[in-house]
N, C-alpha and C. Protein backbone atom coordinates (compact mmCIF):
# COMPACT_ATOMS: atom_id res chain seq x y z
N MET A 1 -2.72 23.60 -27.64
CA MET A 1 -3.49 24.03 -26.68
C MET A 1 -2.62 24.61 -25.53
N SER A 2 -3.01 25.70 -24.87
CA SER A 2 -2.20 26.32 -23.91
C SER A 2 -2.59 25.67 -22.51
N ASP A 3 -1.71 25.79 -21.57
CA ASP A 3 -1.93 25.34 -20.18
C ASP A 3 -3.14 25.82 -19.64
N GLU A 4 -3.53 27.19 -19.89
CA GLU A 4 -4.80 27.59 -19.19
C GLU A 4 -5.92 27.23 -19.98
N GLU A 5 -5.80 26.89 -21.25
CA GLU A 5 -7.05 26.28 -21.95
C GLU A 5 -7.19 24.93 -21.43
N LEU A 6 -6.34 24.12 -21.21
CA LEU A 6 -6.53 22.92 -20.49
C LEU A 6 -7.23 22.83 -19.28
N ILE A 7 -6.60 23.79 -18.48
CA ILE A 7 -7.34 23.86 -17.21
C ILE A 7 -8.91 24.33 -17.37
N ARG A 8 -8.99 25.26 -18.13
CA ARG A 8 -10.45 25.71 -18.38
C ARG A 8 -11.33 24.61 -18.83
N ILE A 9 -10.90 23.73 -19.55
CA ILE A 9 -11.73 22.54 -20.15
C ILE A 9 -11.86 21.67 -18.91
N LEU A 10 -10.86 21.28 -18.09
CA LEU A 10 -10.87 20.45 -16.97
C LEU A 10 -11.99 20.90 -15.96
N ILE A 11 -12.03 22.46 -15.61
CA ILE A 11 -12.80 22.80 -14.85
C ILE A 11 -14.15 22.65 -15.33
N ALA A 12 -14.49 23.21 -16.64
CA ALA A 12 -15.58 23.18 -17.28
C ALA A 12 -16.34 21.74 -17.16
N THR A 13 -15.58 20.70 -17.36
CA THR A 13 -15.95 19.37 -17.49
C THR A 13 -15.99 18.68 -16.08
N LYS A 14 -15.52 19.36 -15.08
CA LYS A 14 -15.50 18.85 -13.69
C LYS A 14 -14.71 17.75 -13.47
N ARG A 15 -13.54 17.81 -14.05
CA ARG A 15 -12.55 16.74 -13.87
C ARG A 15 -11.23 17.45 -13.18
N ASP A 16 -10.44 16.27 -12.63
CA ASP A 16 -9.47 16.49 -11.61
C ASP A 16 -8.10 16.61 -12.56
N LEU A 17 -7.25 17.54 -12.41
CA LEU A 17 -6.22 17.78 -13.12
C LEU A 17 -5.24 16.52 -13.06
N LEU A 18 -4.84 16.15 -11.68
CA LEU A 18 -3.98 15.02 -11.38
C LEU A 18 -4.61 13.82 -11.98
N TRP A 19 -5.78 13.46 -11.71
CA TRP A 19 -6.59 12.32 -12.44
C TRP A 19 -6.35 12.09 -13.67
N THR A 20 -6.51 13.26 -14.63
CA THR A 20 -6.69 13.34 -15.95
C THR A 20 -5.34 13.13 -16.56
N LEU A 21 -4.14 13.70 -15.70
CA LEU A 21 -2.84 13.43 -16.20
C LEU A 21 -2.51 11.82 -15.98
N LEU A 22 -2.83 11.45 -14.91
CA LEU A 22 -2.55 10.11 -14.75
C LEU A 22 -3.19 9.04 -15.90
N GLU A 23 -4.57 9.45 -15.98
CA GLU A 23 -5.20 8.56 -17.11
C GLU A 23 -4.53 8.67 -18.42
N SER A 24 -4.15 9.78 -18.68
CA SER A 24 -3.34 10.19 -20.11
C SER A 24 -2.31 9.46 -20.01
N CYS A 25 -1.22 9.50 -19.16
CA CYS A 25 -0.02 8.88 -19.02
C CYS A 25 -0.08 7.46 -18.94
N GLY A 26 -1.17 6.85 -18.26
CA GLY A 26 -1.38 5.60 -18.25
C GLY A 26 -1.67 4.86 -19.48
N SER A 27 -2.57 5.68 -20.25
CA SER A 27 -2.86 5.13 -21.68
C SER A 27 -1.63 5.02 -22.49
N LEU A 28 -0.81 6.02 -22.49
CA LEU A 28 0.39 6.00 -23.16
C LEU A 28 1.30 5.00 -22.70
N TYR A 29 1.41 4.67 -21.38
CA TYR A 29 2.39 3.65 -21.00
C TYR A 29 1.79 2.38 -21.54
N LYS A 30 0.41 2.10 -21.44
CA LYS A 30 -0.12 0.86 -21.83
C LYS A 30 0.12 0.52 -23.32
N ARG A 31 0.13 1.58 -24.07
CA ARG A 31 0.47 1.34 -25.49
C ARG A 31 1.80 1.15 -25.73
N LEU A 32 2.84 1.92 -24.96
CA LEU A 32 4.21 1.88 -25.29
C LEU A 32 4.92 0.51 -24.75
N LYS A 33 4.43 0.00 -23.66
CA LYS A 33 5.16 -1.08 -22.94
C LYS A 33 5.26 -2.27 -23.70
N PRO A 34 4.29 -2.84 -24.60
CA PRO A 34 4.52 -3.92 -25.44
C PRO A 34 5.54 -3.60 -26.53
N LEU A 35 5.62 -2.47 -26.94
CA LEU A 35 6.67 -1.93 -27.98
C LEU A 35 8.05 -2.10 -27.46
N GLU A 36 8.15 -1.54 -26.27
CA GLU A 36 9.43 -1.50 -25.44
C GLU A 36 9.92 -3.03 -25.31
N GLU A 37 9.15 -3.84 -24.84
CA GLU A 37 9.46 -5.24 -24.43
C GLU A 37 9.94 -5.94 -25.88
N ASP A 38 9.34 -5.75 -27.04
CA ASP A 38 9.49 -6.31 -28.30
C ASP A 38 10.98 -5.62 -28.76
N LEU A 39 11.02 -4.47 -28.75
CA LEU A 39 12.35 -3.81 -29.28
C LEU A 39 13.47 -4.25 -28.50
N ARG A 40 13.38 -4.29 -27.22
CA ARG A 40 14.46 -4.82 -26.17
C ARG A 40 14.73 -6.10 -26.58
N ARG A 41 13.96 -7.11 -26.72
CA ARG A 41 14.16 -8.36 -27.07
C ARG A 41 14.78 -8.58 -28.22
N ARG A 42 14.41 -7.81 -29.40
CA ARG A 42 15.10 -7.91 -30.67
C ARG A 42 16.51 -7.36 -30.80
N GLN A 43 16.62 -6.23 -29.87
CA GLN A 43 17.96 -5.79 -29.83
C GLN A 43 18.88 -6.31 -28.79
N GLY A 44 18.45 -7.20 -27.96
CA GLY A 44 19.13 -7.88 -26.94
C GLY A 44 19.63 -6.94 -25.79
N VAL A 45 18.77 -5.85 -25.47
CA VAL A 45 19.04 -4.83 -24.41
C VAL A 45 18.20 -5.12 -23.19
N GLU A 46 18.91 -5.24 -22.13
CA GLU A 46 18.18 -5.61 -20.88
C GLU A 46 17.59 -4.24 -20.35
N HIS A 47 16.62 -4.44 -19.42
CA HIS A 47 16.11 -3.42 -18.89
C HIS A 47 17.00 -2.56 -17.93
N PRO A 48 16.92 -1.32 -17.70
CA PRO A 48 17.93 -0.72 -16.69
C PRO A 48 17.39 -1.12 -15.22
N PRO A 49 18.27 -1.26 -14.23
CA PRO A 49 17.99 -1.67 -13.05
C PRO A 49 16.95 -0.62 -12.29
N THR A 50 16.08 -1.29 -11.59
CA THR A 50 15.01 -0.42 -10.88
C THR A 50 15.66 0.00 -9.59
N PHE A 51 14.96 0.81 -8.76
CA PHE A 51 15.39 1.28 -7.62
C PHE A 51 15.48 0.16 -6.66
N LEU A 52 14.69 -0.96 -6.75
CA LEU A 52 14.74 -2.22 -5.98
C LEU A 52 15.89 -3.01 -6.04
N GLU A 53 16.52 -2.74 -7.14
CA GLU A 53 17.81 -3.60 -7.58
C GLU A 53 18.98 -2.70 -7.06
N ASP A 54 18.89 -1.51 -6.66
CA ASP A 54 20.00 -0.45 -6.53
C ASP A 54 20.77 -1.01 -5.05
N GLY A 55 22.06 -1.03 -4.90
CA GLY A 55 22.78 -1.51 -3.71
C GLY A 55 22.36 -0.78 -2.64
N GLU A 56 22.31 0.64 -2.66
CA GLU A 56 22.16 1.50 -1.73
C GLU A 56 21.02 1.39 -1.08
N PHE A 57 19.88 1.01 -1.88
CA PHE A 57 18.56 0.86 -1.37
C PHE A 57 18.54 -0.44 -0.76
N GLN A 58 19.11 -1.52 -1.15
CA GLN A 58 19.06 -2.78 -0.61
C GLN A 58 19.78 -2.95 0.88
N ASN A 59 20.90 -2.11 1.06
CA ASN A 59 21.46 -1.97 2.19
C ASN A 59 20.60 -1.12 3.22
N GLY A 60 19.96 -0.07 2.77
CA GLY A 60 19.00 0.63 3.57
C GLY A 60 17.98 -0.36 4.21
N ILE A 61 17.36 -1.04 3.18
CA ILE A 61 16.13 -1.91 3.55
C ILE A 61 16.73 -3.05 4.46
N THR A 62 17.91 -3.47 4.34
CA THR A 62 18.41 -4.45 5.31
C THR A 62 18.45 -3.91 6.62
N SER A 63 19.07 -2.60 6.83
CA SER A 63 19.31 -2.14 8.20
C SER A 63 17.78 -1.87 8.82
N PHE A 64 17.02 -1.48 7.83
CA PHE A 64 15.54 -1.18 8.33
C PHE A 64 14.70 -2.49 8.76
N LEU A 65 15.01 -3.52 8.11
CA LEU A 65 14.18 -4.71 8.47
C LEU A 65 15.00 -5.32 9.64
N SER A 66 16.32 -5.13 9.94
CA SER A 66 16.82 -5.71 11.24
C SER A 66 16.29 -4.95 12.28
N GLY A 67 16.18 -3.67 12.29
CA GLY A 67 15.56 -2.93 13.25
C GLY A 67 14.02 -3.36 13.46
N MET A 68 13.36 -3.59 12.57
CA MET A 68 11.95 -3.90 12.56
C MET A 68 11.81 -5.35 13.13
N GLN A 69 12.75 -6.30 13.07
CA GLN A 69 12.62 -7.51 13.63
C GLN A 69 12.28 -7.37 15.22
N VAL A 70 13.22 -6.45 15.72
CA VAL A 70 12.93 -6.17 17.41
C VAL A 70 11.66 -5.70 17.45
N VAL A 71 11.16 -4.58 16.76
CA VAL A 71 9.87 -4.02 17.12
C VAL A 71 8.77 -5.11 16.84
N ILE A 72 8.83 -5.88 15.88
CA ILE A 72 7.91 -6.89 15.47
C ILE A 72 7.80 -8.07 16.54
N THR A 73 8.89 -8.29 17.19
CA THR A 73 9.16 -9.29 18.21
C THR A 73 8.33 -8.93 19.46
N LYS A 74 8.55 -7.65 19.67
CA LYS A 74 8.03 -7.30 21.03
C LYS A 74 6.47 -7.00 20.80
N MET A 75 6.03 -6.62 19.65
CA MET A 75 4.54 -6.40 19.34
C MET A 75 3.86 -7.86 19.42
N ALA A 76 4.65 -8.95 18.88
CA ALA A 76 4.23 -10.25 18.82
C ALA A 76 3.89 -10.78 20.31
N LYS A 77 4.87 -10.48 21.10
CA LYS A 77 5.06 -10.94 22.56
C LYS A 77 3.79 -10.28 23.20
N ALA A 78 3.65 -8.83 22.81
CA ALA A 78 2.55 -8.12 23.68
C ALA A 78 1.11 -8.55 23.13
N SER A 79 0.92 -9.07 22.00
CA SER A 79 -0.22 -9.51 21.40
C SER A 79 -0.61 -11.03 21.85
N ASP A 80 0.54 -11.67 22.43
CA ASP A 80 0.22 -13.14 22.66
C ASP A 80 -0.48 -13.08 24.09
N PRO A 81 -1.80 -13.83 23.99
CA PRO A 81 -2.54 -13.85 25.14
C PRO A 81 -1.87 -14.52 26.52
N GLY A 82 -1.08 -15.50 26.10
CA GLY A 82 -0.46 -16.17 27.21
C GLY A 82 0.59 -15.10 27.77
N VAL A 83 1.37 -14.60 27.09
CA VAL A 83 2.35 -13.61 27.54
C VAL A 83 1.71 -12.48 28.37
N TRP A 84 0.63 -12.09 27.82
CA TRP A 84 -0.13 -10.86 28.37
C TRP A 84 -0.65 -11.50 29.62
N ALA A 85 -1.27 -12.33 29.70
CA ALA A 85 -1.86 -12.98 31.10
C ALA A 85 -0.84 -13.28 32.13
N ALA A 86 0.34 -13.70 31.75
CA ALA A 86 1.44 -14.02 32.70
C ALA A 86 1.84 -12.58 33.22
N ASP A 87 2.08 -11.81 32.32
CA ASP A 87 2.50 -10.13 32.72
C ASP A 87 1.55 -9.66 33.70
N LEU A 88 0.13 -9.79 33.37
CA LEU A 88 -0.89 -9.21 34.02
C LEU A 88 -0.90 -9.90 35.50
N LEU A 89 -0.66 -11.32 35.60
CA LEU A 89 -0.48 -12.02 36.87
C LEU A 89 0.74 -11.42 37.80
N LEU A 90 1.96 -11.30 37.05
CA LEU A 90 2.92 -10.82 37.66
C LEU A 90 2.81 -9.40 38.39
N ARG A 91 2.18 -8.58 37.55
CA ARG A 91 2.00 -7.18 38.02
C ARG A 91 0.91 -7.18 39.23
N ALA A 92 -0.03 -8.05 39.14
CA ALA A 92 -1.07 -8.25 40.20
C ALA A 92 -0.41 -8.75 41.44
N ALA A 93 0.73 -9.63 41.37
CA ALA A 93 1.27 -10.19 42.50
C ALA A 93 1.98 -9.17 43.20
N VAL A 94 2.56 -8.04 42.60
CA VAL A 94 3.07 -6.97 43.28
C VAL A 94 2.19 -6.31 44.25
N HIS A 95 0.86 -6.39 43.78
CA HIS A 95 -0.05 -5.39 44.65
C HIS A 95 -0.82 -6.24 45.63
N GLU A 96 -0.46 -7.59 45.81
CA GLU A 96 -1.12 -8.28 46.64
C GLU A 96 -1.50 -7.81 48.07
N GLU A 97 -2.17 -8.14 48.72
CA GLU A 97 -2.60 -7.63 50.07
C GLU A 97 -1.39 -8.14 51.02
N LYS A 98 -1.11 -7.27 52.04
CA LYS A 98 -0.14 -7.68 52.81
C LYS A 98 -0.58 -8.64 53.84
N PRO A 99 -0.12 -9.61 54.36
CA PRO A 99 -0.68 -10.35 55.35
C PRO A 99 -1.17 -9.84 56.52
N ARG A 100 -2.45 -10.12 57.06
CA ARG A 100 -2.93 -9.65 58.08
C ARG A 100 -2.40 -10.08 59.45
N ARG A 101 -2.02 -9.08 60.25
CA ARG A 101 -1.37 -9.55 61.61
C ARG A 101 -2.64 -10.21 62.47
N GLU A 102 -2.19 -11.32 63.13
CA GLU A 102 -3.31 -11.78 63.81
C GLU A 102 -3.50 -10.92 65.04
N ARG A 103 -4.83 -10.91 65.41
CA ARG A 103 -5.09 -9.98 66.62
C ARG A 103 -4.84 -10.89 67.98
N VAL A 104 -4.10 -10.20 68.73
CA VAL A 104 -4.01 -10.92 70.00
C VAL A 104 -4.85 -10.38 71.02
N ARG A 105 -5.61 -11.30 71.62
CA ARG A 105 -6.48 -10.93 72.69
C ARG A 105 -5.83 -10.57 73.98
N SER A 106 -6.33 -9.58 74.57
CA SER A 106 -5.83 -9.32 76.01
C SER A 106 -6.02 -10.49 76.86
N THR A 107 -5.12 -10.76 77.71
CA THR A 107 -5.36 -11.63 78.81
C THR A 107 -6.29 -11.13 79.80
N PRO A 108 -7.27 -12.05 80.17
CA PRO A 108 -8.30 -11.54 81.21
C PRO A 108 -7.58 -11.14 82.61
N ARG A 109 -7.85 -10.21 83.06
CA ARG A 109 -7.29 -9.84 84.49
C ARG A 109 -7.73 -10.84 85.50
N ILE A 110 -6.86 -11.16 86.25
CA ILE A 110 -7.30 -11.94 87.40
C ILE A 110 -7.63 -11.03 88.57
N GLN A 111 -8.76 -11.20 89.03
CA GLN A 111 -9.21 -10.31 90.11
C GLN A 111 -8.87 -10.90 91.44
N PRO A 112 -8.01 -10.01 92.39
CA PRO A 112 -7.72 -10.61 93.47
C PRO A 112 -8.92 -11.18 94.30
N ALA A 113 -8.58 -12.31 94.98
CA ALA A 113 -9.50 -12.90 95.82
C ALA A 113 -10.06 -11.90 96.96
N GLU A 114 -11.18 -11.83 97.29
CA GLU A 114 -11.67 -11.03 98.37
C GLU A 114 -11.34 -11.87 99.56
N GLU A 115 -10.94 -11.01 100.59
CA GLU A 115 -10.53 -11.51 101.91
C GLU A 115 -11.84 -11.68 102.77
N SER A 116 -11.93 -12.74 103.27
CA SER A 116 -13.20 -12.78 104.31
C SER A 116 -12.91 -12.57 105.57
């Protein structure tokens, strides 16, 4: 079957190309995986390392996670209601009213006594 024929069939059956390929490869993987395990065990051959076991990947993830620790700590503090409330109170304290000056009443004028 040509590539064009495959695409025509997919279009006619209203199927998605990517999903169809994934289904086909998934079925193949499901059939071959037990056989691979059995043959590796019988031959005494271990699996090749995955990308998770790669040294460069591990170094990169370690650097990434150490940086994330700072970010996560700050996010945790920001989401802590107690820390949030304390910060809010301190911000509000900056904007507190200035103390009012007491109003000083003027002293009454003493009228000079009238001369008789």
